[in-house]
Protein backbone atom coordinates (compact mmCIF):
# COMPACT_ATOMS: atom_id res chain seq x y z
CA UNK A 1 0.00 0.00 0.00
CA UNK A 2 1.08 3.60 -0.55
CA UNK A 3 1.96 6.00 2.23
CA UNK A 4 -1.31 7.86 1.62
CA UNK A 5 -3.31 4.63 1.84
CA UNK A 6 -1.52 3.57 5.01
CA UNK A 7 -2.10 7.01 6.54
CA UNK A 8 -5.81 6.85 5.74
CA UNK A 9 -6.08 3.34 7.20
CA UNK A 10 -4.27 4.26 10.43
CA UNK A 11 -6.34 7.40 10.96
CA UNK A 12 -9.55 5.50 10.22
CA UNK A 13 -8.64 2.79 12.76
CA UNK A 14 -7.87 5.42 15.40
CA UNK A 15 -11.18 7.18 14.71
CA UNK A 16 -13.02 3.86 15.02
CA UNK A 17 -11.27 3.10 18.32
CA UNK A 18 -12.29 6.53 19.62
CA UNK A 19 -15.91 6.01 18.59
CA UNK A 20 -16.04 2.56 20.19
CA UNK A 21 -14.71 4.08 23.42
CA UNK A 22 -17.22 6.93 23.37
CA UNK A 23 -14.53 9.52 22.77
CA UNK A 24 -14.29 12.45 20.39
CA UNK A 25 -12.26 11.70 17.26
CA UNK A 26 -9.93 14.62 17.87
CA UNK A 27 -9.12 13.50 21.43
CA UNK A 28 -6.17 11.38 20.25
CA UNK A 29 -3.08 12.74 18.49
CA UNK A 30 -1.30 10.33 16.16
CA UNK A 31 2.49 10.51 16.28
CA UNK A 32 4.16 9.10 13.17
CA UNK A 33 7.35 7.41 14.35
CA UNK A 34 9.77 7.74 11.44
CA UNK A 35 12.82 5.90 12.78
CA UNK A 36 12.46 3.25 10.06
CA UNK A 37 12.77 5.69 7.14
CA UNK A 38 14.93 8.54 5.89
CA UNK A 39 13.99 12.21 5.77
CA UNK A 40 12.72 12.00 2.18
CA UNK A 41 10.19 9.29 3.01
CA UNK A 42 9.25 11.05 6.25
CA UNK A 43 8.61 14.20 4.22
CA UNK A 44 6.36 12.29 1.84
CA UNK A 45 4.39 10.95 4.80
CA UNK A 46 4.03 14.44 6.26
CA UNK A 47 2.60 15.59 2.94
CA UNK A 48 -0.28 13.10 3.35
CA UNK A 49 -1.50 15.12 6.34
CA UNK A 50 0.72 14.17 9.28
CA UNK A 51 1.21 16.83 11.98
CA UNK A 52 3.13 14.94 14.69
CA UNK A 53 6.58 13.42 14.09
CA UNK A 54 8.36 11.19 16.60
CA UNK A 55 11.92 9.90 16.79
CA UNK A 56 13.62 7.61 19.31
CA UNK A 57 17.24 8.69 18.93
CA UNK A 58 18.80 12.14 19.15
CA UNK A 59 20.83 11.85 15.95
CA UNK A 60 17.82 10.70 13.92
CA UNK A 61 15.66 13.40 15.50
CA UNK A 62 18.14 16.11 14.51
CA UNK A 63 18.48 14.71 10.98
CA UNK A 64 14.72 14.83 10.45
CA UNK A 65 14.31 18.17 12.19
CA UNK A 66 16.96 19.89 10.08
CA UNK A 67 15.58 18.43 6.86
CA UNK A 68 11.88 19.02 7.56
CA UNK A 69 11.61 21.93 10.01
CA UNK A 70 10.32 24.28 7.31
CA UNK A 71 7.21 22.20 6.73
CA UNK A 72 4.18 23.88 8.26
CA UNK A 73 2.25 22.82 11.35
CA UNK A 74 4.60 20.13 12.63
CA UNK A 75 4.93 19.11 16.27
CA UNK A 76 8.18 17.35 17.18
CA UNK A 77 8.27 14.49 19.69
CA UNK A 78 11.39 12.85 21.15
CA UNK A 79 10.05 9.54 22.38
CA UNK A 80 13.14 7.51 23.25
CA UNK A 81 15.67 7.37 26.06
CA UNK A 82 17.73 10.55 26.35
CA UNK A 83 21.24 10.54 27.79
CA UNK A 84 22.02 13.54 29.97
CA UNK A 85 25.10 14.45 27.93
CA UNK A 86 22.93 14.84 24.82
CA UNK A 87 20.25 17.06 26.37
CA UNK A 88 21.99 20.28 25.31
CA UNK A 89 22.07 19.13 21.67
CA UNK A 90 18.38 18.51 21.21
CA UNK A 91 16.07 19.70 23.96
CA UNK A 92 15.32 23.16 22.55
CA UNK A 93 14.05 21.68 19.29
CA UNK A 94 11.62 19.34 21.07
CA UNK A 95 7.93 20.13 21.55
CA UNK A 96 7.19 17.02 23.64
CA UNK A 97 9.65 14.72 25.40
CA UNK A 98 8.09 11.36 26.22
CA UNK A 99 10.74 9.55 28.27
CA UNK A 100 11.56 11.49 31.43
CA UNK A 101 12.88 8.64 33.55
CA UNK A 102 15.10 10.15 36.25
CA UNK A 103 15.48 13.17 38.50
CA UNK A 104 18.97 13.84 37.14
CA UNK A 105 17.64 13.96 33.58
CA UNK A 106 14.90 16.38 34.64
CA UNK A 107 17.50 18.59 36.31
CA UNK A 108 19.64 18.58 33.17
CA UNK A 109 16.66 19.62 31.07
CA UNK A 110 15.96 22.38 33.59
CA UNK A 111 19.55 23.56 33.16
CA UNK A 112 19.67 23.45 29.35
CA UNK A 113 16.15 24.43 28.23
CA UNK A 114 15.54 27.99 27.04
CA UNK A 115 11.77 27.55 27.42
CA UNK A 116 9.33 25.27 29.18
CA UNK A 117 9.51 21.73 27.78
CA UNK A 118 6.38 19.58 27.81
CA UNK A 119 7.43 16.22 29.25
CA UNK A 120 5.84 12.88 29.98
CA UNK A 121 6.95 11.07 33.12
CA UNK A 122 7.86 7.57 32.00
CA UNK A 123 6.41 4.88 34.25
CA UNK A 124 7.34 1.21 34.18
CA UNK A 125 3.99 -0.29 35.11
CA UNK A 126 4.95 -3.79 33.99
CA UNK A 127 8.23 -3.56 35.98
CA UNK A 128 10.21 -5.15 33.18
CA UNK A 129 13.94 -4.99 33.85
CA UNK A 130 14.59 -4.07 30.22
CA UNK A 131 12.40 -0.96 30.37
CA UNK A 132 13.24 2.47 31.71
CA UNK A 133 10.91 4.55 33.85
CA UNK A 134 9.74 4.98 37.42
CA UNK A 135 7.98 2.15 39.17
CA UNK A 136 4.65 3.06 40.73
CA UNK A 137 5.99 2.89 44.28
CA UNK A 138 8.76 5.35 43.40
CA UNK A 139 6.51 8.16 42.19
CA UNK A 140 5.73 9.73 45.56
CA UNK A 141 9.45 9.97 46.34
CA UNK A 142 10.23 12.06 43.24
CA UNK A 143 7.20 14.32 42.89
CA UNK A 144 8.41 16.97 45.34
CA UNK A 145 11.75 17.30 43.55
CA UNK A 146 10.09 17.55 40.14
CA UNK A 147 7.66 20.17 41.46
CA UNK A 148 10.59 22.56 42.01
CA UNK A 149 11.44 22.73 38.29
CA UNK A 150 10.36 25.71 36.19
CA UNK A 151 11.40 24.61 32.69
CA UNK A 152 9.87 21.13 32.94
CA UNK A 153 6.11 20.79 32.60
CA UNK A 154 4.84 17.29 33.30
CA UNK A 155 1.86 17.09 30.97
CA UNK A 156 1.19 13.42 31.66
CA UNK A 157 2.49 9.86 31.82
CA UNK A 158 4.06 7.58 29.24
CA UNK A 159 4.26 3.80 29.43
CA UNK A 160 5.03 0.86 27.18
CA UNK A 161 3.53 -2.59 27.46
CA UNK A 162 5.56 -5.78 26.96
CA UNK A 163 5.80 -6.81 23.34
CA UNK A 164 4.11 -10.15 24.06
CA UNK A 165 1.48 -8.86 26.48
CA UNK A 166 -1.92 -10.51 26.41
CA UNK A 167 -5.08 -8.45 25.97
CA UNK A 168 -5.77 -8.77 29.70
CA UNK A 169 -2.26 -7.57 30.55
CA UNK A 170 -2.62 -4.61 28.18
CA UNK A 171 -5.91 -3.65 29.79
CA UNK A 172 -4.34 -3.76 33.25
CA UNK A 173 -1.20 -1.79 32.31
CA UNK A 174 -3.04 0.98 30.49
CA UNK A 175 -5.81 1.25 33.10
CA UNK A 176 -3.25 1.42 35.92
CA UNK A 177 -1.38 4.18 34.10
CA UNK A 178 -4.55 6.23 33.68
CA UNK A 179 -5.46 5.81 37.35
CA UNK A 180 -1.99 6.97 38.37
CA UNK A 181 -2.32 9.99 36.09
CA UNK A 182 -5.62 10.92 37.72
CA UNK A 183 -4.10 10.61 41.19
CA UNK A 184 -1.25 12.94 40.24
CA UNK A 185 -3.62 15.40 38.58
CA UNK A 186 -5.61 15.65 41.81
CA UNK A 187 -2.50 16.93 43.61
CA UNK A 188 -2.86 20.20 41.63
CA UNK A 189 0.90 20.75 41.38
CA UNK A 190 1.68 23.84 39.34
CA UNK A 191 4.01 22.26 36.76
CA UNK A 192 2.09 18.97 36.56
CA UNK A 193 -1.22 19.38 34.71
CA UNK A 194 -1.23 15.61 34.08
CA UNK A 195 -3.90 15.78 31.40
CA UNK A 196 -2.19 13.56 28.80
CA UNK A 197 -1.32 9.89 28.31
CA UNK A 198 1.30 8.69 25.84
CA UNK A 199 0.65 4.99 25.36
CA UNK A 200 -0.13 2.65 22.54
CA UNK A 201 1.85 1.69 19.45
CA UNK A 202 1.02 -0.04 16.17
CA UNK A 203 0.08 -3.31 17.85
CA UNK A 204 -1.85 -2.11 20.87
CA UNK A 205 -3.11 1.44 20.30
CA UNK A 206 -6.76 0.39 20.22
CA UNK A 207 -6.58 -0.90 23.80
CA UNK A 208 -4.61 2.19 24.84
CA UNK A 209 -7.29 4.49 23.41
CA UNK A 210 -9.95 2.56 25.33
CA UNK A 211 -8.09 3.49 28.51
CA UNK A 212 -7.59 7.17 27.82
CA UNK A 213 -4.48 7.53 25.71
CA UNK A 214 -4.22 10.98 24.11
CA UNK A 215 -1.04 10.34 22.11
CA UNK A 216 -0.41 7.09 20.23
CA UNK A 217 3.04 6.38 18.79
CA UNK A 218 2.68 4.55 15.49
CA UNK A 219 5.56 3.52 13.26
CA UNK A 220 5.37 0.26 11.33
CA UNK A 221 1.70 0.62 10.38
CA UNK A 222 2.57 3.64 8.22
CA UNK A 223 5.27 1.82 6.26
CA UNK A 224 3.96 -1.72 5.74
């Protein structure tokens, strides 16, 4: 299928998932994850009507940003692990950072950012050793430190489910993440609006939408 056909199919499936969950169709933003393709192909995908671009790695993010930054109405998402030594290279080009996984990283962003950066606190709900992010029982210990930051706005939570998770496991992980978001939102901390959820990828975004995801990160489905 062509990029345009894939884009139409992905957007249609997201709209259907929203409708089945009783949600407005514009309540979910679709991030096209372009790590599998070069800037030319990413540009062609953008031309089909994509407004959110996501990259996992700093070097790939910068390549795409420099090649495509003049295209109109683009929002740039860094969705992968960020090493502290690379924060200065990329953070001021990022609209949303999805993988805030340590206090030290937050403090480095605070130091290097020339504006407020919208960040997702990464949570490791499944407690997989291979995944980054805070465990649920660690959240209370870090909130007070994060509340002191002025250049870091915690817009919500991000999580990833295990690749081989069952439907029941997906339901539990995404529901738990949403409940944690609601609990943090109720604290009414100035730099933590906690209105957003970044969860769901090509294989599980329908379940994520059912449980409140507002940003889905889709890569392979655009390029099959």
